[in-house]
Amino acid sequence: MCIYPDNLKAKAMLGLWQIRDIGIIGVSLLISVFALTQVGFIIPLVGTAVYGFLSIRFSDTSILDFIKYAGSYFITKQQIFEWRLK
């Protein structure tokens, strides 16, 4: 079931992923399974699973975006604290 938003400007979603992400996951899954069965190389399958997890979207924010925002808040951006006595 493809869920399209009410405002018709947001991207179409299929479950928790955008349609583009479903296509990328599907193609990379085929390549990964081929690499696993023919060569015995499991790293592409792990990469596909990681991409599938990081591309999950909740209310137009993906897990990768959330990790970026958290890293920016806790690590790279300087926080300003003001101490006052009243």
PDB file of N, CA and C in Angstrom:
ATOM      1  N   MET A   1       0.840  -1.172   0.000  1.00  0.00           N
ATOM      2  CA  MET A   1       0.000   0.000   0.000  1.00  0.00           C
ATOM      3  C   MET A   1       0.889   1.240   0.000  1.00  0.00           C
ATOM      4  N   CYS A   2       0.761   2.058  -0.997  1.00  0.00           N
ATOM      5  CA  CYS A   2       1.548   3.284  -1.118  1.00  0.00           C
ATOM      6  C   CYS A   2       0.781   4.423  -0.469  1.00  0.00           C
ATOM      7  N   ILE A   3       1.379   5.064   0.504  1.00  0.00           N
ATOM      8  CA  ILE A   3       0.722   6.165   1.208  1.00  0.00           C
ATOM      9  C   ILE A   3       1.253   7.476   0.650  1.00  0.00           C
ATOM     10  N   TYR A   4       0.359   8.269   0.070  1.00  0.00           N
ATOM     11  CA  TYR A   4       0.768   9.560  -0.470  1.00  0.00           C
ATOM     12  C   TYR A   4       0.188  10.645   0.417  1.00  0.00           C
ATOM     13  N   PRO A   5       0.951  11.643   0.764  1.00  0.00           N
ATOM     14  CA  PRO A   5       0.497  12.649   1.725  1.00  0.00           C
ATOM     15  C   PRO A   5      -0.625  13.524   1.177  1.00  0.00           C
ATOM     16  N   ASP A   6      -1.278  14.223   2.089  1.00  0.00           N
ATOM     17  CA  ASP A   6      -2.416  15.059   1.726  1.00  0.00           C
ATOM     18  C   ASP A   6      -2.015  16.277   0.897  1.00  0.00           C
ATOM     19  N   ASN A   7      -0.863  16.860   1.153  1.00  0.00           N
ATOM     20  CA  ASN A   7      -0.497  18.091   0.472  1.00  0.00           C
ATOM     21  C   ASN A   7       0.097  17.874  -0.922  1.00  0.00           C
ATOM     22  N   LEU A   8       0.348  16.656  -1.323  1.00  0.00           N
ATOM     23  CA  LEU A   8       0.859  16.263  -2.639  1.00  0.00           C
ATOM     24  C   LEU A   8       2.219  16.869  -2.982  1.00  0.00           C
ATOM     25  N   LYS A   9       2.914  17.440  -2.016  1.00  0.00           N
ATOM     26  CA  LYS A   9       4.249  17.975  -2.265  1.00  0.00           C
ATOM     27  C   LYS A   9       5.325  17.110  -1.625  1.00  0.00           C
ATOM     28  N   ALA A  10       4.984  16.340  -0.635  1.00  0.00           N
ATOM     29  CA  ALA A  10       5.950  15.456   0.018  1.00  0.00           C
ATOM     30  C   ALA A  10       6.158  14.218  -0.853  1.00  0.00           C
ATOM     31  N   LYS A  11       7.210  13.508  -0.577  1.00  0.00           N
ATOM     32  CA  LYS A  11       7.541  12.325  -1.373  1.00  0.00           C
ATOM     33  C   LYS A  11       6.687  11.137  -0.948  1.00  0.00           C
ATOM     34  N   ALA A  12       6.416  10.244  -1.898  1.00  0.00           N
ATOM     35  CA  ALA A  12       5.596   9.064  -1.639  1.00  0.00           C
ATOM     36  C   ALA A  12       6.348   8.092  -0.739  1.00  0.00           C
ATOM     37  N   MET A  13       5.622   7.455   0.164  1.00  0.00           N
ATOM     38  CA  MET A  13       6.207   6.521   1.123  1.00  0.00           C
ATOM     39  C   MET A  13       5.599   5.136   0.899  1.00  0.00           C
ATOM     40  N   LEU A  14       6.419   4.131   1.111  1.00  0.00           N
ATOM     41  CA  LEU A  14       5.960   2.747   1.080  1.00  0.00           C
ATOM     42  C   LEU A  14       6.433   2.127   2.380  1.00  0.00           C
ATOM     43  N   GLY A  15       5.535   2.038   3.333  1.00  0.00           N
ATOM     44  CA  GLY A  15       5.919   1.578   4.669  1.00  0.00           C
ATOM     45  C   GLY A  15       6.698   2.668   5.374  1.00  0.00           C
ATOM     46  N   LEU A  16       7.905   2.362   5.794  1.00  0.00           N
ATOM     47  CA  LEU A  16       8.735   3.332   6.498  1.00  0.00           C
ATOM     48  C   LEU A  16       9.782   3.974   5.593  1.00  0.00           C
ATOM     49  N   TRP A  17       9.801   3.625   4.302  1.00  0.00           N
ATOM     50  CA  TRP A  17      10.824   4.110   3.381  1.00  0.00           C
ATOM     51  C   TRP A  17      10.180   4.899   2.263  1.00  0.00           C
ATOM     52  N   GLN A  18      10.970   5.777   1.651  1.00  0.00           N
ATOM     53  CA  GLN A  18      10.535   6.438   0.422  1.00  0.00           C
ATOM     54  C   GLN A  18      10.665   5.450  -0.725  1.00  0.00           C
ATOM     55  N   ILE A  19       9.946   5.716  -1.800  1.00  0.00           N
ATOM     56  CA  ILE A  19       9.965   4.808  -2.955  1.00  0.00           C
ATOM     57  C   ILE A  19      11.383   4.684  -3.515  1.00  0.00           C
ATOM     58  N   ARG A  20      12.126   5.776  -3.551  1.00  0.00           N
ATOM     59  CA  ARG A  20      13.507   5.753  -4.054  1.00  0.00           C
ATOM     60  C   ARG A  20      14.359   4.818  -3.202  1.00  0.00           C
ATOM     61  N   ASP A  21      14.187   4.881  -1.883  1.00  0.00           N
ATOM     62  CA  ASP A  21      14.963   4.021  -0.987  1.00  0.00           C
ATOM     63  C   ASP A  21      14.608   2.549  -1.176  1.00  0.00           C
ATOM     64  N   ILE A  22      13.343   2.254  -1.427  1.00  0.00           N
ATOM     65  CA  ILE A  22      12.933   0.867  -1.673  1.00  0.00           C
ATOM     66  C   ILE A  22      13.632   0.335  -2.923  1.00  0.00           C
ATOM     67  N   GLY A  23      13.715   1.157  -3.968  1.00  0.00           N
ATOM     68  CA  GLY A  23      14.407   0.735  -5.186  1.00  0.00           C
ATOM     69  C   GLY A  23      15.888   0.481  -4.950  1.00  0.00           C
ATOM     70  N   ILE A  24      16.532   1.385  -4.221  1.00  0.00           N
ATOM     71  CA  ILE A  24      17.959   1.221  -3.925  1.00  0.00           C
ATOM     72  C   ILE A  24      18.199  -0.023  -3.079  1.00  0.00           C
ATOM     73  N   ILE A  25      17.357  -0.238  -2.081  1.00  0.00           N
ATOM     74  CA  ILE A  25      17.493  -1.411  -1.218  1.00  0.00           C
ATOM     75  C   ILE A  25      17.265  -2.693  -2.022  1.00  0.00           C
ATOM     76  N   GLY A  26      16.277  -2.690  -2.905  1.00  0.00           N
ATOM     77  CA  GLY A  26      15.993  -3.880  -3.712  1.00  0.00           C
ATOM     78  C   GLY A  26      17.141  -4.255  -4.635  1.00  0.00           C
ATOM     79  N   VAL A  27      17.676  -3.268  -5.358  1.00  0.00           N
ATOM     80  CA  VAL A  27      18.779  -3.537  -6.282  1.00  0.00           C
ATOM     81  C   VAL A  27      20.029  -3.962  -5.522  1.00  0.00           C
ATOM     82  N   SER A  28      20.338  -3.268  -4.433  1.00  0.00           N
ATOM     83  CA  SER A  28      21.531  -3.643  -3.666  1.00  0.00           C
ATOM     84  C   SER A  28      21.350  -4.996  -2.975  1.00  0.00           C
ATOM     85  N   LEU A  29      20.130  -5.345  -2.617  1.00  0.00           N
ATOM     86  CA  LEU A  29      19.888  -6.662  -2.039  1.00  0.00           C
ATOM     87  C   LEU A  29      20.138  -7.772  -3.067  1.00  0.00           C
ATOM     88  N   LEU A  30      19.709  -7.551  -4.309  1.00  0.00           N
ATOM     89  CA  LEU A  30      19.984  -8.528  -5.363  1.00  0.00           C
ATOM     90  C   LEU A  30      21.482  -8.701  -5.587  1.00  0.00           C
ATOM     91  N   ILE A  31      22.197  -7.587  -5.666  1.00  0.00           N
ATOM     92  CA  ILE A  31      23.650  -7.648  -5.855  1.00  0.00           C
ATOM     93  C   ILE A  31      24.321  -8.316  -4.655  1.00  0.00           C
ATOM     94  N   SER A  32      23.829  -8.008  -3.450  1.00  0.00           N
ATOM     95  CA  SER A  32      24.413  -8.577  -2.236  1.00  0.00           C
ATOM     96  C   SER A  32      24.209 -10.080  -2.159  1.00  0.00           C
ATOM     97  N   VAL A  33      23.012 -10.528  -2.501  1.00  0.00           N
ATOM     98  CA  VAL A  33      22.738 -11.974  -2.463  1.00  0.00           C
ATOM     99  C   VAL A  33      23.574 -12.688  -3.523  1.00  0.00           C
ATOM    100  N   PHE A  34      23.713 -12.077  -4.704  1.00  0.00           N
ATOM    101  CA  PHE A  34      24.568 -12.664  -5.739  1.00  0.00           C
ATOM    102  C   PHE A  34      26.019 -12.758  -5.258  1.00  0.00           C
ATOM    103  N   ALA A  35      26.508 -11.691  -4.620  1.00  0.00           N
ATOM    104  CA  ALA A  35      27.889 -11.703  -4.114  1.00  0.00           C
ATOM    105  C   ALA A  35      28.051 -12.753  -3.017  1.00  0.00           C
ATOM    106  N   LEU A  36      27.031 -12.915  -2.181  1.00  0.00           N
ATOM    107  CA  LEU A  36      27.112 -13.892  -1.102  1.00  0.00           C
ATOM    108  C   LEU A  36      27.109 -15.326  -1.636  1.00  0.00           C
ATOM    109  N   THR A  37      26.249 -15.602  -2.626  1.00  0.00           N
ATOM    110  CA  THR A  37      26.154 -16.980  -3.114  1.00  0.00           C
ATOM    111  C   THR A  37      27.306 -17.362  -4.029  1.00  0.00           C
ATOM    112  N   GLN A  38      27.787 -16.431  -4.835  1.00  0.00           N
ATOM    113  CA  GLN A  38      28.822 -16.766  -5.808  1.00  0.00           C
ATOM    114  C   GLN A  38      30.236 -16.645  -5.249  1.00  0.00           C
ATOM    115  N   VAL A  39      30.469 -15.622  -4.437  1.00  0.00           N
ATOM    116  CA  VAL A  39      31.820 -15.347  -3.965  1.00  0.00           C
ATOM    117  C   VAL A  39      31.969 -15.643  -2.472  1.00  0.00           C
ATOM    118  N   GLY A  40      30.864 -15.627  -1.751  1.00  0.00           N
ATOM    119  CA  GLY A  40      30.925 -15.813  -0.301  1.00  0.00           C
ATOM    120  C   GLY A  40      31.304 -14.538   0.432  1.00  0.00           C
ATOM    121  N   PHE A  41      31.013 -13.410  -0.170  1.00  0.00           N
ATOM    122  CA  PHE A  41      31.381 -12.096   0.349  1.00  0.00           C
ATOM    123  C   PHE A  41      30.154 -11.485   1.020  1.00  0.00           C
ATOM    124  N   ILE A  42      30.178 -11.312   2.350  1.00  0.00           N
ATOM    125  CA  ILE A  42      29.001 -10.889   3.096  1.00  0.00           C
ATOM    126  C   ILE A  42      28.920  -9.375   3.321  1.00  0.00           C
ATOM    127  N   ILE A  43      29.984  -8.646   3.072  1.00  0.00           N
ATOM    128  CA  ILE A  43      30.010  -7.203   3.357  1.00  0.00           C
ATOM    129  C   ILE A  43      28.940  -6.429   2.580  1.00  0.00           C
ATOM    130  N   PRO A  44      28.660  -6.707   1.298  1.00  0.00           N
ATOM    131  CA  PRO A  44      27.577  -5.970   0.633  1.00  0.00           C
ATOM    132  C   PRO A  44      26.212  -6.192   1.282  1.00  0.00           C
ATOM    133  N   LEU A  45      25.971  -7.387   1.811  1.00  0.00           N
ATOM    134  CA  LEU A  45      24.704  -7.661   2.492  1.00  0.00           C
ATOM    135  C   LEU A  45      24.596  -6.861   3.779  1.00  0.00           C
ATOM    136  N   VAL A  46      25.693  -6.742   4.500  1.00  0.00           N
ATOM    137  CA  VAL A  46      25.711  -5.932   5.722  1.00  0.00           C
ATOM    138  C   VAL A  46      25.489  -4.465   5.380  1.00  0.00           C
ATOM    139  N   GLY A  47      26.132  -3.990   4.302  1.00  0.00           N
ATOM    140  CA  GLY A  47      25.941  -2.607   3.865  1.00  0.00           C
ATOM    141  C   GLY A  47      24.505  -2.323   3.469  1.00  0.00           C
ATOM    142  N   THR A  48      23.861  -3.277   2.814  1.00  0.00           N
ATOM    143  CA  THR A  48      22.458  -3.121   2.442  1.00  0.00           C
ATOM    144  C   THR A  48      21.570  -3.042   3.674  1.00  0.00           C
ATOM    145  N   ALA A  49      21.840  -3.882   4.659  1.00  0.00           N
ATOM    146  CA  ALA A  49      21.054  -3.857   5.890  1.00  0.00           C
ATOM    147  C   ALA A  49      21.249  -2.541   6.648  1.00  0.00           C
ATOM    148  N   VAL A  50      22.464  -2.042   6.682  1.00  0.00           N
ATOM    149  CA  VAL A  50      22.734  -0.769   7.355  1.00  0.00           C
ATOM    150  C   VAL A  50      22.031   0.369   6.627  1.00  0.00           C
ATOM    151  N   TYR A  51      22.099   0.383   5.285  1.00  0.00           N
ATOM    152  CA  TYR A  51      21.404   1.421   4.519  1.00  0.00           C
ATOM    153  C   TYR A  51      19.898   1.333   4.739  1.00  0.00           C
ATOM    154  N   GLY A  52      19.365   0.126   4.760  1.00  0.00           N
ATOM    155  CA  GLY A  52      17.934  -0.048   5.002  1.00  0.00           C
ATOM    156  C   GLY A  52      17.522   0.487   6.361  1.00  0.00           C
ATOM    157  N   PHE A  53      18.349   0.276   7.376  1.00  0.00           N
ATOM    158  CA  PHE A  53      18.030   0.782   8.705  1.00  0.00           C
ATOM    159  C   PHE A  53      18.148   2.299   8.768  1.00  0.00           C
ATOM    160  N   LEU A  54      19.214   2.853   8.189  1.00  0.00           N
ATOM    161  CA  LEU A  54      19.439   4.295   8.273  1.00  0.00           C
ATOM    162  C   LEU A  54      18.476   5.103   7.421  1.00  0.00           C
ATOM    163  N   SER A  55      17.829   4.491   6.438  1.00  0.00           N
ATOM    164  CA  SER A  55      16.901   5.221   5.586  1.00  0.00           C
ATOM    165  C   SER A  55      15.453   5.141   6.063  1.00  0.00           C
ATOM    166  N   ILE A  56      15.190   4.527   7.201  1.00  0.00           N
ATOM    167  CA  ILE A  56      13.840   4.510   7.764  1.00  0.00           C
ATOM    168  C   ILE A  56      13.450   5.939   8.117  1.00  0.00           C
ATOM    169  N   ARG A  57      12.241   6.329   7.748  1.00  0.00           N
ATOM    170  CA  ARG A  57      11.777   7.698   7.992  1.00  0.00           C
ATOM    171  C   ARG A  57      10.579   7.714   8.938  1.00  0.00           C
ATOM    172  N   PHE A  58      10.642   8.621   9.900  1.00  0.00           N
ATOM    173  CA  PHE A  58       9.527   8.923  10.784  1.00  0.00           C
ATOM    174  C   PHE A  58       9.264  10.413  10.682  1.00  0.00           C
ATOM    175  N   SER A  59       8.072  10.786  10.259  1.00  0.00           N
ATOM    176  CA  SER A  59       7.656  12.191  10.115  1.00  0.00           C
ATOM    177  C   SER A  59       8.708  13.027   9.396  1.00  0.00           C
ATOM    178  N   ASP A  60       9.114  12.576   8.224  1.00  0.00           N
ATOM    179  CA  ASP A  60      10.034  13.265   7.312  1.00  0.00           C
ATOM    180  C   ASP A  60      11.447  13.451   7.863  1.00  0.00           C
ATOM    181  N   THR A  61      11.846  12.660   8.840  1.00  0.00           N
ATOM    182  CA  THR A  61      13.221  12.671   9.341  1.00  0.00           C
ATOM    183  C   THR A  61      13.710  11.230   9.381  1.00  0.00           C
ATOM    184  N   SER A  62      14.809  10.971   8.694  1.00  0.00           N
ATOM    185  CA  SER A  62      15.345   9.608   8.671  1.00  0.00           C
ATOM    186  C   SER A  62      16.213   9.370   9.907  1.00  0.00           C
ATOM    187  N   ILE A  63      16.533   8.122  10.144  1.00  0.00           N
ATOM    188  CA  ILE A  63      17.398   7.761  11.270  1.00  0.00           C
ATOM    189  C   ILE A  63      18.776   8.393  11.076  1.00  0.00           C
ATOM    190  N   LEU A  64      19.271   8.424   9.838  1.00  0.00           N
ATOM    191  CA  LEU A  64      20.564   9.043   9.557  1.00  0.00           C
ATOM    192  C   LEU A  64      20.532  10.545   9.868  1.00  0.00           C
ATOM    193  N   ASP A  65      19.445  11.223   9.508  1.00  0.00           N
ATOM    194  CA  ASP A  65      19.319  12.643   9.844  1.00  0.00           C
ATOM    195  C   ASP A  65      19.329  12.845  11.356  1.00  0.00           C
ATOM    196  N   PHE A  66      18.619  11.987  12.083  1.00  0.00           N
ATOM    197  CA  PHE A  66      18.585  12.090  13.536  1.00  0.00           C
ATOM    198  C   PHE A  66      19.979  11.898  14.138  1.00  0.00           C
ATOM    199  N   ILE A  67      20.745  10.928  13.618  1.00  0.00           N
ATOM    200  CA  ILE A  67      22.110  10.705  14.112  1.00  0.00           C
ATOM    201  C   ILE A  67      22.991  11.911  13.800  1.00  0.00           C
ATOM    202  N   LYS A  68      22.826  12.499  12.611  1.00  0.00           N
ATOM    203  CA  LYS A  68      23.584  13.706  12.265  1.00  0.00           C
ATOM    204  C   LYS A  68      23.247  14.858  13.201  1.00  0.00           C
ATOM    205  N   TYR A  69      21.947  15.070  13.465  1.00  0.00           N
ATOM    206  CA  TYR A  69      21.536  16.156  14.359  1.00  0.00           C
ATOM    207  C   TYR A  69      22.067  15.930  15.774  1.00  0.00           C
ATOM    208  N   ALA A  70      22.017  14.692  16.240  1.00  0.00           N
ATOM    209  CA  ALA A  70      22.515  14.390  17.587  1.00  0.00           C
ATOM    210  C   ALA A  70      24.023  14.586  17.659  1.00  0.00           C
ATOM    211  N   GLY A  71      24.756  14.141  16.651  1.00  0.00           N
ATOM    212  CA  GLY A  71      26.204  14.337  16.630  1.00  0.00           C
ATOM    213  C   GLY A  71      26.572  15.807  16.571  1.00  0.00           C
ATOM    214  N   SER A  72      25.819  16.550  15.786  1.00  0.00           N
ATOM    215  CA  SER A  72      26.067  17.983  15.696  1.00  0.00           C
ATOM    216  C   SER A  72      25.802  18.658  17.032  1.00  0.00           C
ATOM    217  N   TYR A  73      24.731  18.282  17.692  1.00  0.00           N
ATOM    218  CA  TYR A  73      24.375  18.904  18.966  1.00  0.00           C
ATOM    219  C   TYR A  73      25.372  18.548  20.063  1.00  0.00           C
ATOM    220  N   PHE A  74      25.757  17.286  20.159  1.00  0.00           N
ATOM    221  CA  PHE A  74      26.603  16.849  21.265  1.00  0.00           C
ATOM    222  C   PHE A  74      28.102  16.981  21.001  1.00  0.00           C
ATOM    223  N   ILE A  75      28.537  16.969  19.741  1.00  0.00           N
ATOM    224  CA  ILE A  75      29.966  16.906  19.468  1.00  0.00           C
ATOM    225  C   ILE A  75      30.495  18.152  18.758  1.00  0.00           C
ATOM    226  N   THR A  76      29.935  18.503  17.606  1.00  0.00           N
ATOM    227  CA  THR A  76      30.579  19.521  16.781  1.00  0.00           C
ATOM    228  C   THR A  76      30.160  20.951  17.060  1.00  0.00           C
ATOM    229  N   LYS A  77      28.950  21.199  17.478  1.00  0.00           N
ATOM    230  CA  LYS A  77      28.498  22.569  17.733  1.00  0.00           C
ATOM    231  C   LYS A  77      28.781  22.953  19.178  1.00  0.00           C
ATOM    232  N   GLN A  78      29.259  24.170  19.346  1.00  0.00           N
ATOM    233  CA  GLN A  78      29.547  24.643  20.690  1.00  0.00           C
ATOM    234  C   GLN A  78      28.250  25.066  21.369  1.00  0.00           C
ATOM    235  N   GLN A  79      28.070  24.599  22.583  1.00  0.00           N
ATOM    236  CA  GLN A  79      26.912  24.969  23.367  1.00  0.00           C
ATOM    237  C   GLN A  79      27.273  26.163  24.242  1.00  0.00           C
ATOM    238  N   ILE A  80      26.382  27.106  24.367  1.00  0.00           N
ATOM    239  CA  ILE A  80      26.632  28.296  25.168  1.00  0.00           C
ATOM    240  C   ILE A  80      25.786  28.201  26.427  1.00  0.00           C
ATOM    241  N   PHE A  81      26.449  28.296  27.566  1.00  0.00           N
ATOM    242  CA  PHE A  81      25.772  28.258  28.846  1.00  0.00           C
ATOM    243  C   PHE A  81      26.026  29.573  29.569  1.00  0.00           C
ATOM    244  N   GLU A  82      25.004  30.150  30.136  1.00  0.00           N
ATOM    245  CA  GLU A  82      25.143  31.383  30.903  1.00  0.00           C
ATOM    246  C   GLU A  82      24.805  31.082  32.355  1.00  0.00           C
ATOM    247  N   TRP A  83      25.717  31.456  33.241  1.00  0.00           N
ATOM    248  CA  TRP A  83      25.520  31.258  34.664  1.00  0.00           C
ATOM    249  C   TRP A  83      25.235  32.615  35.284  1.00  0.00           C
ATOM    250  N   ARG A  84      24.156  32.710  36.007  1.00  0.00           N
ATOM    251  CA  ARG A  84      23.783  33.961  36.642  1.00  0.00           C
ATOM    252  C   ARG A  84      23.411  33.713  38.087  1.00  0.00           C
ATOM    253  N   LEU A  85      23.746  34.680  38.900  1.00  0.00           N
ATOM    254  CA  LEU A  85      23.290  34.681  40.286  1.00  0.00           C
ATOM    255  C   LEU A  85      22.205  35.737  40.409  1.00  0.00           C
ATOM    256  N   LYS A  86      21.108  35.354  41.001  1.00  0.00           N
ATOM    257  CA  LYS A  86      20.012  36.325  41.161  1.00  0.00           C
ATOM    258  C   LYS A  86      19.915  36.803  42.567  1.00  0.00           C
TER     259      LYS A  86
END
